[in-house]
Protein backbone atom coordinates (compact mmCIF):
# COMPACT_ATOMS: atom_id res chain seq x y z
CA ASN A 1 230.49 98.72 170.25
CA ASN A 2 229.57 101.13 167.75
CA ALA A 3 226.16 101.80 169.28
CA LEU A 4 225.71 105.47 170.59
CA SER A 5 224.47 105.86 174.27
CA ARG A 6 220.82 107.41 174.95
CA ILE A 7 219.94 107.68 171.46
CA VAL A 8 216.38 106.91 170.02
CA PHE A 9 215.79 106.77 166.30
CA ILE A 10 212.19 109.04 165.84
CA GLU A 11 211.82 107.04 162.84
CA ASP A 12 212.00 103.49 165.25
CA LEU A 13 209.26 105.64 167.36
CA ASP A 14 207.10 106.52 164.71
CA SER A 15 207.32 102.99 163.01
CA ALA A 16 206.61 101.41 166.94
CA GLN A 17 203.46 103.57 167.16
CA ALA A 18 201.93 102.74 163.68
CA ARG A 19 202.90 98.78 164.28
CA PHE A 20 201.42 98.46 167.89
CA ASN A 21 200.13 101.22 169.31
CA LYS A 22 196.28 99.93 170.54
CA ARG A 23 196.80 96.80 168.81
CA MET A 24 196.70 93.60 170.12
CA ILE A 25 199.94 91.25 170.71
CA TRP A 26 200.74 88.15 172.07
CA ASN A 27 203.16 87.49 174.77
CA LYS A 28 206.24 85.13 174.29
CA ARG A 29 207.32 85.44 178.07
CA ASP A 30 205.57 85.41 181.56
CA ILE A 31 206.95 88.72 182.37
CA LEU A 32 205.91 92.27 182.43
CA TYR A 33 207.81 95.31 184.14
CA THR A 34 206.00 97.50 186.37
CA PHE A 35 207.34 100.76 188.00
CA ASP A 36 206.27 102.39 190.82
CA ASP A 37 206.64 106.47 190.65
CA GLN A 38 206.42 107.16 194.26
CA LYS A 39 208.92 104.18 195.39
CA GLU A 40 210.99 104.65 191.83
CA LYS A 41 210.98 100.99 192.21
CA VAL A 42 210.72 98.28 189.28
CA GLY A 43 207.94 95.38 189.83
CA ILE A 44 207.14 92.54 187.54
CA ILE A 45 203.52 90.96 186.75
CA ASN A 46 202.52 88.16 185.02
CA GLY A 47 202.68 88.54 181.19
CA GLN A 48 200.61 85.44 180.75
CA GLN A 49 202.95 83.58 177.88
CA PHE A 50 200.59 82.73 174.83
CA LYS A 51 197.78 84.96 175.90
CA VAL A 52 197.00 88.30 174.19
CA ALA A 53 197.71 91.75 175.49
CA VAL A 54 196.55 94.95 174.18
CA CYS A 55 199.47 97.68 173.70
CA THR A 56 197.85 100.86 175.62
CA GLY A 57 201.04 103.27 174.77
CA VAL A 58 204.47 103.07 172.73
CA TYR A 59 207.18 105.37 174.45
CA ILE A 60 211.37 106.04 174.47
CA GLY A 61 212.30 103.39 176.92
CA PHE A 62 215.10 102.99 179.45
CA ASP A 63 217.77 100.93 177.70
CA ASP A 64 220.10 101.98 174.65
CA ASN A 65 219.74 98.30 173.24
CA ALA A 66 216.04 98.31 173.46
CA PRO A 67 215.14 102.26 172.99
CA ILE A 68 211.67 101.57 172.71
CA GLN A 69 208.94 100.78 175.71
CA LEU A 70 205.72 98.87 174.96
CA TRP A 71 203.18 99.37 177.99
CA LEU A 72 200.64 96.24 177.86
CA GLN A 73 197.55 95.56 179.35
CA ASN A 74 197.14 91.62 180.21
CA GLN A 75 193.88 89.73 180.45
CA LYS A 76 193.52 90.37 183.66
CA GLY A 77 193.35 94.16 183.25
CA GLU A 78 197.09 94.63 184.99
CA VAL A 79 199.38 97.14 183.25
CA GLY A 80 203.39 96.53 182.57
CA TYR A 81 206.18 97.11 180.08
CA VAL A 82 208.91 95.77 177.99
CA ASN A 83 211.68 97.78 176.39
CA ILE A 84 212.73 96.56 172.72
CA ASN A 85 214.29 97.34 169.54
CA ILE A 86 212.55 96.93 166.18
CA SER A 87 214.77 97.93 163.94
CA ASN A 88 218.33 96.98 165.43
CA SER A 89 219.51 100.28 164.66
CA ASN A 90 222.17 101.43 167.57
CA VAL A 91 221.98 98.15 169.22
CA GLU A 92 224.93 95.85 170.16
CA SER A 93 225.13 93.05 167.96
CA SER A 94 225.02 91.01 171.03
CA LEU A 95 222.16 91.75 172.27
CA LEU A 96 219.96 92.15 168.54
CA TYR A 97 218.00 89.10 169.14
CA LYS A 98 217.49 89.51 173.13
CA ASN A 99 215.62 92.75 172.83
CA ALA A 100 213.80 91.96 169.59
CA PHE A 101 210.13 92.46 169.38
CA SER A 102 209.87 88.65 168.23
CA TYR A 103 211.76 87.64 171.47
CA TYR A 104 209.09 89.21 173.78
CA PHE A 105 206.10 88.80 171.54
CA TYR A 106 204.41 87.47 168.59
CA ALA A 107 202.31 89.30 166.41
CA LYS A 108 199.77 86.90 165.51
CA ASP A 109 198.25 84.35 167.72
CA PRO A 110 200.69 81.63 168.33
CA SER A 111 197.94 78.99 168.29
CA ALA A 112 197.46 79.56 164.77
CA LEU A 113 200.93 79.48 163.78
CA CYS A 114 201.76 75.91 165.87
CA ASN A 115 200.00 74.18 163.47
CA CYS A 116 199.10 71.79 165.76
CA THR A 117 196.20 70.04 166.96
CA PRO A 118 194.64 70.84 170.46
CA ASP A 119 196.67 68.74 172.27
CA LEU A 120 199.83 69.32 171.12
CA TRP A 121 198.93 72.99 172.09
CA LYS A 122 198.08 72.13 175.51
CA VAL A 123 201.85 70.65 175.46
CA ILE A 124 203.42 73.71 174.77
CA GLN A 125 201.53 75.87 176.47
CA ASN A 126 202.70 74.04 179.45
CA ARG A 127 206.24 74.22 178.07
CA GLN A 128 207.09 70.58 177.56
CA VAL A 129 207.88 68.67 175.04
CA GLN A 130 207.22 65.51 173.07
CA GLU A 131 208.30 63.27 170.36
CA GLY A 132 207.12 64.19 166.88
CA MET A 133 207.15 67.96 167.49
CA THR A 134 208.67 69.87 164.88
CA MET A 135 211.39 72.32 165.48
CA ASP A 136 209.38 75.46 165.54
CA GLN A 137 207.15 73.80 167.69
CA ALA A 138 209.66 73.09 170.19
CA ARG A 139 211.10 76.40 170.02
CA MET A 140 207.23 77.70 170.74
CA SER A 141 207.45 75.40 173.84
CA TRP A 142 210.98 75.87 175.30
CA GLY A 143 212.31 79.09 173.66
CA GLU A 144 215.28 79.76 171.37
CA PRO A 145 218.10 77.08 172.20
CA LYS A 146 221.66 78.24 173.47
CA GLU A 147 222.98 76.62 170.55
CA GLU A 148 222.11 74.26 167.46
CA ILE A 149 224.13 71.53 165.60
CA GLU A 150 224.19 69.93 162.39
CA GLU A 151 225.19 66.24 163.66
CA ALA A 152 224.18 64.32 160.70
CA PRO A 153 222.48 65.37 157.35
CA GLY A 154 218.67 65.88 158.29
CA SER A 155 220.19 65.29 162.06
CA VAL A 156 219.99 68.97 164.74
CA ARG A 157 220.46 68.94 168.21
CA PHE A 158 218.69 71.56 170.31
CA LYS A 159 221.40 72.77 172.99
CA TYR A 160 219.64 74.69 175.81
CA SER A 161 221.62 76.45 178.73
CA SER A 162 220.11 74.12 181.38
CA GLY A 163 221.89 71.73 179.94
CA SER A 164 218.65 70.00 177.93
CA THR A 165 219.12 68.46 174.41
CA LEU A 166 216.72 67.87 171.97
CA LEU A 167 217.20 66.00 168.96
CA PHE A 168 215.66 66.52 165.74
CA VAL A 169 215.61 64.01 162.61
CA ASN A 170 214.08 65.17 159.29
CA GLY A 171 212.40 67.94 161.56
CA LEU A 172 210.65 65.73 164.26
CA LEU A 173 211.31 65.40 167.63
CA LYS A 174 212.55 61.95 167.98
CA GLU A 175 215.16 62.29 171.50
CA MET A 176 214.94 64.41 174.54
CA ASN A 177 217.67 64.61 177.28
CA TYR A 178 216.75 66.69 180.43
């Protein structure tokens, strides 16, 4: 581990403030964290997956591997935060993706990124998959697989930590095993 403990690069903080403060971003996850100063206790609120939130502040975070803290207000008016990294500077290699902005958020409306019909978008919002989905649409719905295996030319299997697998042939979902 070459990461330096308790270090935040000012360039990362400045960049995050310029990119996110007072801007709309869309949640990939359901969870935002809260902190009760009086009780010194962390809580959780619903981040409302695929819904827009407004970044209300960008600060130094609590986590060495996710040194930037974004405070967000969801559509219900609730406020919470997520610690992220934005440059991969000073981050353990095993945590690069998990703490990245792209793990938690979309910079653009995901329904526009989906390139799908309104009916398929509802399937994705409900975290379901169906035959004919693209690999990107399945990722939107279920998240990143634990493993991607090329089984044959044009055939890729996603393996999830739950044990579920998805088989794609020529980029389209052909087989689902739950």
